[in-house]
N, C-alpha and C. Protein backbone atom coordinates (compact mmCIF):
# COMPACT_ATOMS: atom_id res chain seq x y z
N UNK A 1 72.81 157.20 60.45
CA UNK A 1 72.76 158.16 59.38
C UNK A 1 73.63 159.32 59.89
N UNK A 2 74.58 159.77 59.07
CA UNK A 2 75.38 160.90 59.34
C UNK A 2 74.71 162.21 59.19
N UNK A 3 75.51 163.35 59.58
CA UNK A 3 74.97 164.65 59.33
C UNK A 3 74.84 165.12 57.82
N UNK A 4 75.72 164.51 57.07
CA UNK A 4 75.68 165.00 55.60
C UNK A 4 74.72 164.17 54.83
N UNK A 5 74.04 163.14 55.35
CA UNK A 5 73.10 162.29 54.68
C UNK A 5 71.66 162.94 55.05
N UNK A 6 70.86 163.32 54.11
CA UNK A 6 69.55 163.86 54.35
C UNK A 6 68.59 163.06 53.57
N UNK A 7 67.56 162.65 54.42
CA UNK A 7 66.52 161.91 53.59
C UNK A 7 65.43 162.86 53.22
N UNK A 8 65.33 163.06 51.87
CA UNK A 8 64.24 164.09 51.27
C UNK A 8 63.61 163.31 50.17
N UNK A 9 62.29 163.85 49.91
CA UNK A 9 61.52 163.31 48.72
C UNK A 9 62.07 163.81 47.42
N UNK A 10 61.96 163.14 46.39
CA UNK A 10 62.22 163.80 45.11
C UNK A 10 61.27 164.95 44.84
N UNK A 11 61.67 165.88 44.09
CA UNK A 11 60.88 166.97 43.65
C UNK A 11 59.55 166.75 43.18
N UNK A 12 59.41 165.61 42.37
CA UNK A 12 58.05 165.25 41.80
C UNK A 12 57.14 164.57 42.82
N UNK A 13 57.67 164.23 43.97
CA UNK A 13 56.77 163.70 45.09
C UNK A 13 56.48 164.58 46.20
N UNK A 14 57.22 165.78 46.24
CA UNK A 14 57.06 166.67 47.29
C UNK A 14 55.84 167.53 47.12
N UNK A 15 54.78 167.31 48.03
CA UNK A 15 53.53 168.08 47.74
C UNK A 15 53.73 169.53 48.17
N UNK A 16 54.66 170.01 48.90
CA UNK A 16 54.88 171.31 49.23
C UNK A 16 55.10 172.23 47.99
N UNK A 17 55.80 171.59 47.09
CA UNK A 17 56.21 172.59 45.92
C UNK A 17 55.26 172.28 44.71
N UNK A 18 54.14 171.64 44.87
CA UNK A 18 53.21 171.18 43.83
C UNK A 18 52.31 172.28 43.49
N UNK A 19 52.27 172.49 42.19
CA UNK A 19 51.31 173.54 41.69
C UNK A 19 50.66 172.94 40.45
N UNK A 20 49.37 173.06 40.32
CA UNK A 20 48.62 172.59 39.26
C UNK A 20 47.86 171.25 39.42
N UNK A 21 47.30 170.72 38.35
CA UNK A 21 46.55 169.46 38.40
C UNK A 21 47.52 168.28 38.42
N UNK A 22 47.26 167.20 39.17
CA UNK A 22 48.01 166.12 39.24
C UNK A 22 47.58 165.15 37.89
N UNK A 23 48.58 164.63 37.25
CA UNK A 23 48.28 163.76 36.14
C UNK A 23 48.55 162.32 36.56
N UNK A 24 47.56 161.51 36.66
CA UNK A 24 47.83 160.05 36.97
C UNK A 24 48.55 159.34 35.92
N UNK A 25 49.46 158.54 36.27
CA UNK A 25 50.31 157.83 35.18
C UNK A 25 49.35 156.74 34.57
N UNK A 26 49.66 156.60 33.23
CA UNK A 26 48.86 155.72 32.46
C UNK A 26 49.37 154.30 32.73
N UNK A 27 48.51 153.29 32.89
CA UNK A 27 48.92 151.91 33.05
C UNK A 27 49.65 151.27 31.87
N UNK A 28 49.64 151.99 30.64
CA UNK A 28 50.29 151.24 29.61
C UNK A 28 51.87 151.37 29.68
N UNK A 29 52.26 152.02 30.78
CA UNK A 29 53.70 151.97 31.06
C UNK A 29 54.21 150.58 31.38
N UNK A 30 53.28 149.64 31.74
CA UNK A 30 53.58 148.47 32.16
C UNK A 30 54.14 147.40 30.96
N UNK A 31 53.83 147.99 29.74
CA UNK A 31 54.24 147.21 28.62
C UNK A 31 55.72 147.31 28.50
N UNK A 32 56.43 148.33 28.81
CA UNK A 32 57.88 148.30 28.64
C UNK A 32 58.57 147.30 29.53
N UNK A 33 58.40 147.19 30.79
CA UNK A 33 59.03 146.13 31.58
C UNK A 33 58.61 144.78 31.02
N UNK A 34 57.40 144.62 30.42
CA UNK A 34 56.99 143.36 29.96
C UNK A 34 57.82 142.97 28.66
N UNK A 35 58.14 143.92 27.94
CA UNK A 35 58.98 143.70 26.73
C UNK A 35 60.38 143.26 27.15
N UNK A 36 60.91 143.98 28.31
CA UNK A 36 62.21 143.69 28.77
C UNK A 36 62.19 142.17 29.41
N UNK A 37 61.21 141.82 30.06
CA UNK A 37 61.05 140.54 30.62
C UNK A 37 61.07 139.43 29.47
N UNK A 38 60.37 139.61 28.35
CA UNK A 38 60.33 138.73 27.23
C UNK A 38 61.71 138.67 26.60
N UNK A 39 62.35 139.80 26.41
CA UNK A 39 63.76 139.71 25.97
C UNK A 39 64.69 138.99 26.78
N UNK A 40 64.65 139.12 28.11
CA UNK A 40 65.47 138.35 28.89
C UNK A 40 65.06 136.87 28.94
N UNK A 41 63.76 136.54 28.83
CA UNK A 41 63.24 135.20 28.63
C UNK A 41 64.05 134.50 27.42
N UNK A 42 63.93 135.24 26.29
CA UNK A 42 64.58 134.82 25.07
C UNK A 42 65.93 134.56 25.14
N UNK A 43 66.78 135.49 25.90
CA UNK A 43 68.17 135.19 26.00
C UNK A 43 68.44 133.99 27.05
N UNK A 44 67.60 133.80 28.08
CA UNK A 44 67.87 132.76 28.85
C UNK A 44 67.44 131.41 28.18
N UNK A 45 66.42 131.34 27.28
CA UNK A 45 66.15 130.33 26.67
C UNK A 45 67.34 129.88 25.61
N UNK A 46 67.81 131.00 24.98
CA UNK A 46 68.85 130.78 24.09
C UNK A 46 69.99 130.27 24.64
N UNK A 47 70.47 130.66 25.84
CA UNK A 47 71.57 130.23 26.54
C UNK A 47 71.39 128.73 26.86
N UNK A 48 70.12 128.34 27.24
CA UNK A 48 69.92 127.02 27.61
C UNK A 48 70.03 125.91 26.38
N UNK A 49 69.55 126.48 25.38
CA UNK A 49 69.50 125.58 24.13
C UNK A 49 70.93 125.63 23.49
N UNK A 50 71.60 126.68 23.55
CA UNK A 50 72.89 126.76 22.78
C UNK A 50 74.05 126.30 23.55
N UNK A 51 74.12 126.64 24.80
CA UNK A 51 75.26 126.36 25.77
C UNK A 51 75.13 125.18 26.56
N UNK A 52 74.78 124.03 25.95
CA UNK A 52 74.33 122.81 26.75
C UNK A 52 75.57 122.14 27.36
N UNK A 53 76.76 122.52 26.86
CA UNK A 53 78.00 121.83 27.45
C UNK A 53 78.69 122.58 28.48
N UNK A 54 78.20 123.80 28.81
CA UNK A 54 78.81 124.63 29.86
C UNK A 54 78.28 124.16 31.16
N UNK A 55 79.14 124.17 32.29
CA UNK A 55 78.76 123.67 33.55
C UNK A 55 77.68 124.41 34.30
N UNK A 56 77.59 125.67 34.10
CA UNK A 56 76.72 126.52 34.81
C UNK A 56 75.25 126.49 34.14
N UNK A 57 75.21 125.94 33.01
CA UNK A 57 73.88 125.99 32.32
C UNK A 57 73.15 124.72 32.66
N UNK A 58 71.97 124.92 33.32
CA UNK A 58 71.24 123.67 33.64
C UNK A 58 69.78 124.03 33.38
N UNK A 59 68.83 123.18 33.98
CA UNK A 59 67.33 123.43 33.71
C UNK A 59 66.96 124.75 34.33
N UNK A 60 67.60 125.26 35.28
CA UNK A 60 67.22 126.62 35.98
C UNK A 60 67.12 127.58 34.96
N UNK A 61 67.95 127.75 33.79
CA UNK A 61 67.94 128.59 32.75
C UNK A 61 66.59 128.52 32.15
N UNK A 62 66.15 127.27 31.78
CA UNK A 62 64.87 127.10 31.12
C UNK A 62 63.66 127.56 31.99
N UNK A 63 63.82 127.15 33.30
CA UNK A 63 62.74 127.55 34.35
C UNK A 63 62.61 129.14 34.23
N UNK A 64 63.74 129.67 34.36
CA UNK A 64 64.00 131.16 34.41
C UNK A 64 63.31 131.72 33.21
N UNK A 65 63.52 131.15 32.09
CA UNK A 65 62.98 131.69 30.81
C UNK A 65 61.43 131.58 30.79
N UNK A 66 61.01 130.45 31.29
CA UNK A 66 59.51 130.29 31.28
C UNK A 66 58.77 131.25 32.27
N UNK A 67 59.40 131.42 33.46
CA UNK A 67 58.86 132.50 34.44
C UNK A 67 58.93 133.89 33.83
N UNK A 68 60.09 134.28 33.36
CA UNK A 68 60.30 135.53 32.84
C UNK A 68 59.22 135.82 31.73
N UNK A 69 59.03 134.67 30.85
CA UNK A 69 58.29 134.94 29.70
C UNK A 69 56.73 135.08 30.21
N UNK A 70 56.33 134.42 31.19
CA UNK A 70 54.99 134.38 31.81
C UNK A 70 54.78 135.83 32.42
N UNK A 71 55.73 136.37 33.23
CA UNK A 71 55.60 137.70 33.82
C UNK A 71 55.54 138.68 32.48
N UNK A 72 56.36 138.58 31.62
CA UNK A 72 56.39 139.51 30.52
C UNK A 72 55.10 139.50 29.73
N UNK A 73 54.44 138.45 29.48
CA UNK A 73 53.21 138.39 28.91
C UNK A 73 52.06 138.97 29.85
N UNK A 74 52.07 138.65 31.17
CA UNK A 74 51.15 139.18 32.03
C UNK A 74 51.32 140.90 32.00
N UNK A 75 52.52 141.33 32.05
CA UNK A 75 52.73 142.73 32.21
C UNK A 75 52.28 143.46 30.74
N UNK A 76 52.46 142.92 29.67
CA UNK A 76 52.05 143.44 28.39
C UNK A 76 50.50 143.37 28.39
N UNK A 77 49.88 142.33 28.74
CA UNK A 77 48.41 142.19 28.57
C UNK A 77 47.67 143.11 29.68
N UNK A 78 48.32 143.24 30.72
CA UNK A 78 47.73 144.09 31.81
C UNK A 78 48.07 145.60 31.71
N UNK A 79 48.71 145.97 30.63
CA UNK A 79 49.15 147.56 30.38
C UNK A 79 47.98 148.17 29.63
N UNK A 80 46.92 148.26 30.33
CA UNK A 80 45.65 148.89 29.69
C UNK A 80 46.10 150.46 29.43
N UNK A 81 45.58 150.98 28.28
CA UNK A 81 45.68 152.40 28.08
C UNK A 81 44.38 153.08 28.63
N UNK A 82 44.57 154.02 29.52
CA UNK A 82 43.56 154.69 30.29
C UNK A 82 43.00 155.85 29.34
N UNK A 83 41.75 156.01 28.88
CA UNK A 83 41.17 156.98 28.05
C UNK A 83 40.30 157.81 28.85
N UNK A 84 40.05 157.47 30.06
CA UNK A 84 39.18 158.30 31.08
C UNK A 84 40.09 158.77 32.18
N UNK A 85 40.16 160.25 32.30
CA UNK A 85 40.80 160.62 33.49
C UNK A 85 39.89 160.93 34.69
N UNK A 86 40.39 161.39 35.78
CA UNK A 86 39.50 161.55 36.99
C UNK A 86 38.43 162.50 36.82
N UNK A 87 38.58 163.56 35.96
CA UNK A 87 37.55 164.58 35.77
C UNK A 87 36.39 163.92 35.05
N UNK A 88 36.62 163.12 33.98
CA UNK A 88 35.72 162.54 33.21
C UNK A 88 35.03 161.49 34.10
N UNK A 89 35.74 160.82 35.00
CA UNK A 89 35.14 159.89 35.93
C UNK A 89 34.12 160.50 36.89
N UNK A 90 34.47 161.75 37.39
CA UNK A 90 33.62 162.50 38.17
C UNK A 90 32.32 162.81 37.51
N UNK A 91 32.36 163.19 36.27
CA UNK A 91 31.13 163.54 35.35
C UNK A 91 30.38 162.32 35.24
N UNK A 92 30.93 161.24 34.91
CA UNK A 92 30.23 159.91 34.72
C UNK A 92 29.52 159.50 35.96
N UNK A 93 30.13 159.76 37.16
CA UNK A 93 29.66 159.44 38.47
C UNK A 93 28.43 160.24 38.71
N UNK A 94 28.48 161.46 38.45
CA UNK A 94 27.27 162.41 38.79
C UNK A 94 26.07 161.88 37.96
N UNK A 95 26.36 161.39 36.71
CA UNK A 95 25.24 160.84 35.89
C UNK A 95 24.77 159.66 36.47
N UNK A 96 25.52 158.76 37.09
CA UNK A 96 25.10 157.60 37.71
C UNK A 96 24.25 157.79 38.97
N UNK A 97 24.70 158.65 39.76
CA UNK A 97 23.99 158.75 40.99
C UNK A 97 22.66 159.47 41.04
N UNK A 98 22.50 160.39 39.96
CA UNK A 98 21.20 160.93 39.88
C UNK A 98 20.76 162.09 40.72
N UNK A 99 21.83 162.65 41.44
CA UNK A 99 21.58 163.92 42.33
C UNK A 99 22.71 164.91 41.94
N UNK A 100 22.45 166.08 42.29
CA UNK A 100 23.55 167.10 42.08
C UNK A 100 24.70 166.82 43.05
N UNK A 101 25.87 166.80 42.61
CA UNK A 101 27.02 166.35 43.42
C UNK A 101 27.65 167.68 43.92
N UNK A 102 27.98 167.70 45.25
CA UNK A 102 28.74 168.80 45.92
C UNK A 102 30.20 168.27 45.90
N UNK A 103 30.63 167.79 47.10
CA UNK A 103 31.91 167.30 47.23
C UNK A 103 32.09 165.90 46.68
N UNK A 104 33.22 165.59 46.00
CA UNK A 104 33.53 164.26 45.36
C UNK A 104 34.93 164.16 45.39
N UNK A 105 35.50 162.87 45.28
CA UNK A 105 36.81 162.53 45.21
C UNK A 105 36.85 161.19 44.32
N UNK A 106 37.97 161.15 43.53
CA UNK A 106 38.19 159.92 42.65
C UNK A 106 39.51 159.32 43.19
N UNK A 107 39.56 158.03 43.19
CA UNK A 107 40.76 157.30 43.51
C UNK A 107 40.87 156.18 42.52
N UNK A 108 42.13 156.13 41.99
CA UNK A 108 42.39 155.08 40.93
C UNK A 108 42.64 153.70 41.71
N UNK A 109 41.97 152.61 41.22
CA UNK A 109 42.13 151.40 41.80
C UNK A 109 42.20 150.37 40.55
N UNK A 110 42.53 149.02 40.89
CA UNK A 110 42.59 148.05 39.79
C UNK A 110 41.77 146.98 40.09
N UNK A 111 41.15 146.37 39.04
CA UNK A 111 40.10 145.22 39.20
C UNK A 111 40.49 144.02 38.36
N UNK A 112 40.35 142.88 39.00
CA UNK A 112 40.49 141.73 38.21
C UNK A 112 41.83 141.13 38.04
N UNK A 113 42.02 139.97 37.61
CA UNK A 113 43.29 139.32 37.50
C UNK A 113 44.36 140.07 36.54
N UNK A 114 43.81 140.82 35.51
CA UNK A 114 44.72 141.53 34.63
C UNK A 114 44.85 143.09 34.97
N UNK A 115 44.43 143.39 36.28
CA UNK A 115 44.42 144.75 36.85
C UNK A 115 43.93 145.83 35.92
N UNK A 116 42.66 145.73 35.61
CA UNK A 116 42.08 146.80 34.73
C UNK A 116 41.87 147.98 35.53
N UNK A 117 42.36 149.17 35.11
CA UNK A 117 42.29 150.41 35.96
C UNK A 117 40.82 150.79 35.92
N UNK A 118 40.48 151.38 37.26
CA UNK A 118 39.06 151.74 37.58
C UNK A 118 39.06 152.89 38.46
N UNK A 119 38.15 153.87 38.25
CA UNK A 119 38.09 154.88 39.12
C UNK A 119 36.96 154.66 40.21
N UNK A 120 37.37 154.84 41.39
CA UNK A 120 36.36 154.68 42.39
C UNK A 120 35.99 156.15 42.98
N UNK A 121 34.82 156.48 42.76
CA UNK A 121 34.40 157.94 42.97
C UNK A 121 33.49 157.88 44.16
N UNK A 122 33.75 158.76 45.18
CA UNK A 122 32.90 158.89 46.25
C UNK A 122 32.35 160.34 46.06
N UNK A 123 31.04 160.50 46.12
CA UNK A 123 30.34 161.78 45.97
C UNK A 123 29.34 161.98 46.98
N UNK A 124 29.15 163.17 47.36
CA UNK A 124 28.06 163.62 48.34
C UNK A 124 27.20 164.63 47.53
N UNK A 125 25.84 164.77 48.01
CA UNK A 125 24.89 165.58 47.26
C UNK A 125 25.28 167.00 47.71
N UNK A 126 24.81 168.03 46.95
CA UNK A 126 25.14 169.35 47.09
C UNK A 126 24.54 170.02 48.31
N UNK A 127 23.46 169.43 48.95
CA UNK A 127 22.93 170.15 50.14
C UNK A 127 24.07 170.32 51.33
N UNK A 128 23.79 171.21 52.19
CA UNK A 128 24.66 171.42 53.33
C UNK A 128 23.90 171.22 54.60
N UNK A 129 24.03 170.15 55.32
CA UNK A 129 24.90 169.09 55.09
C UNK A 129 24.33 168.21 54.03
N UNK A 130 25.24 167.40 53.35
CA UNK A 130 24.82 166.32 52.38
C UNK A 130 23.91 165.34 52.88
N UNK A 131 22.73 165.28 52.05
CA UNK A 131 21.63 164.17 52.29
C UNK A 131 21.89 162.91 51.87
N UNK A 132 22.58 162.90 50.66
CA UNK A 132 22.91 161.57 50.12
C UNK A 132 24.35 161.47 49.75
N UNK A 133 24.82 160.17 49.48
CA UNK A 133 26.10 159.97 49.15
C UNK A 133 26.20 158.77 48.26
N UNK A 134 27.07 158.71 47.41
CA UNK A 134 27.14 157.67 46.34
C UNK A 134 28.62 157.19 46.21
N UNK A 135 28.72 155.96 45.87
CA UNK A 135 30.05 155.30 45.49
C UNK A 135 29.85 154.66 44.13
N UNK A 136 30.73 155.09 43.14
CA UNK A 136 30.57 154.77 41.77
C UNK A 136 31.96 154.24 41.34
N UNK A 137 31.93 153.08 40.59
CA UNK A 137 33.06 152.56 39.89
C UNK A 137 33.01 152.79 38.48
N UNK A 138 33.93 153.47 37.89
CA UNK A 138 33.94 153.87 36.52
C UNK A 138 35.30 153.21 35.86
N UNK A 139 35.02 152.44 34.73
CA UNK A 139 36.12 151.82 34.03
C UNK A 139 36.95 152.92 33.47
N UNK A 140 38.24 152.86 33.83
CA UNK A 140 39.09 153.95 33.31
C UNK A 140 39.54 153.66 31.82
N UNK A 141 39.29 152.61 31.10
CA UNK A 141 39.69 152.28 29.86
C UNK A 141 38.49 152.67 28.81
N UNK A 142 37.22 152.46 29.18
CA UNK A 142 36.18 152.72 28.33
C UNK A 142 35.07 153.56 28.79
N UNK A 143 35.12 154.05 30.08
CA UNK A 143 34.24 154.97 30.74
C UNK A 143 32.85 154.23 31.19
N UNK A 144 32.72 152.90 31.19
CA UNK A 144 31.50 152.46 31.60
C UNK A 144 31.41 152.49 33.14
N UNK A 145 30.21 152.70 33.42
CA UNK A 145 29.90 152.49 34.97
C UNK A 145 29.64 151.08 35.36
N UNK A 146 30.71 150.60 36.16
CA UNK A 146 30.67 149.27 36.58
C UNK A 146 29.75 148.91 37.68
N UNK A 147 29.69 149.64 38.64
CA UNK A 147 28.87 149.46 39.88
C UNK A 147 28.62 150.80 40.42
N UNK A 148 27.41 151.05 41.11
CA UNK A 148 27.14 152.20 41.94
C UNK A 148 26.33 151.85 43.00
N UNK A 149 26.53 152.64 44.07
CA UNK A 149 25.63 152.55 45.29
C UNK A 149 25.38 153.88 45.77
N UNK A 150 24.03 154.06 46.18
CA UNK A 150 23.60 155.44 46.52
C UNK A 150 22.87 155.11 47.86
N UNK A 151 23.13 155.90 48.82
CA UNK A 151 22.31 155.83 50.30
C UNK A 151 22.24 157.11 50.89
N UNK A 152 21.28 157.12 51.89
CA UNK A 152 21.20 158.48 52.70
C UNK A 152 22.56 158.52 53.45
N UNK A 153 22.88 159.89 53.56
CA UNK A 153 24.07 160.05 54.42
C UNK A 153 23.81 160.18 55.86
N UNK A 154 24.23 159.18 56.62
CA UNK A 154 24.07 159.03 57.94
C UNK A 154 25.11 159.78 58.79
N UNK A 155 25.97 160.49 58.20
CA UNK A 155 27.10 161.21 58.88
C UNK A 155 26.67 162.55 59.45
N UNK A 156 25.48 162.98 59.14
CA UNK A 156 25.00 164.29 59.45
C UNK A 156 24.75 164.38 60.97
N UNK A 157 24.98 165.44 61.65
CA UNK A 157 24.88 165.56 63.05
C UNK A 157 23.60 166.17 63.41
């Protein structure tokens, strides 16, 4: 690496200049690449069936069309629209654990074969130090509580 090359984060990823609430990207963005894959699959299949006398066209074009089509369908069907943000997930988690929540954090994860977005919420009771803690999984598509676990907080000293 020379002196004129500098490795820096893009402005939207640099936490030092960040002000305000972070907005998690919506999973429905997966639909655009899926549509592109399906378009490429159609072109590859068209080339395979139309240009049969060209030397570079073989069954690899058809295999490529099938693979691109499968990936495109998967991308489109796993492009869930998230209707529950992390704040709503924190509220839903408080209702699921049944105690007043002090500190809490939400993490976006994906579940299942079609990568359904889910909020994983870790929350501690409001006492100081916290007496209880809970882990709640909230569906980011429809807000259902998928699972929850409540236990005594054994991290106290």
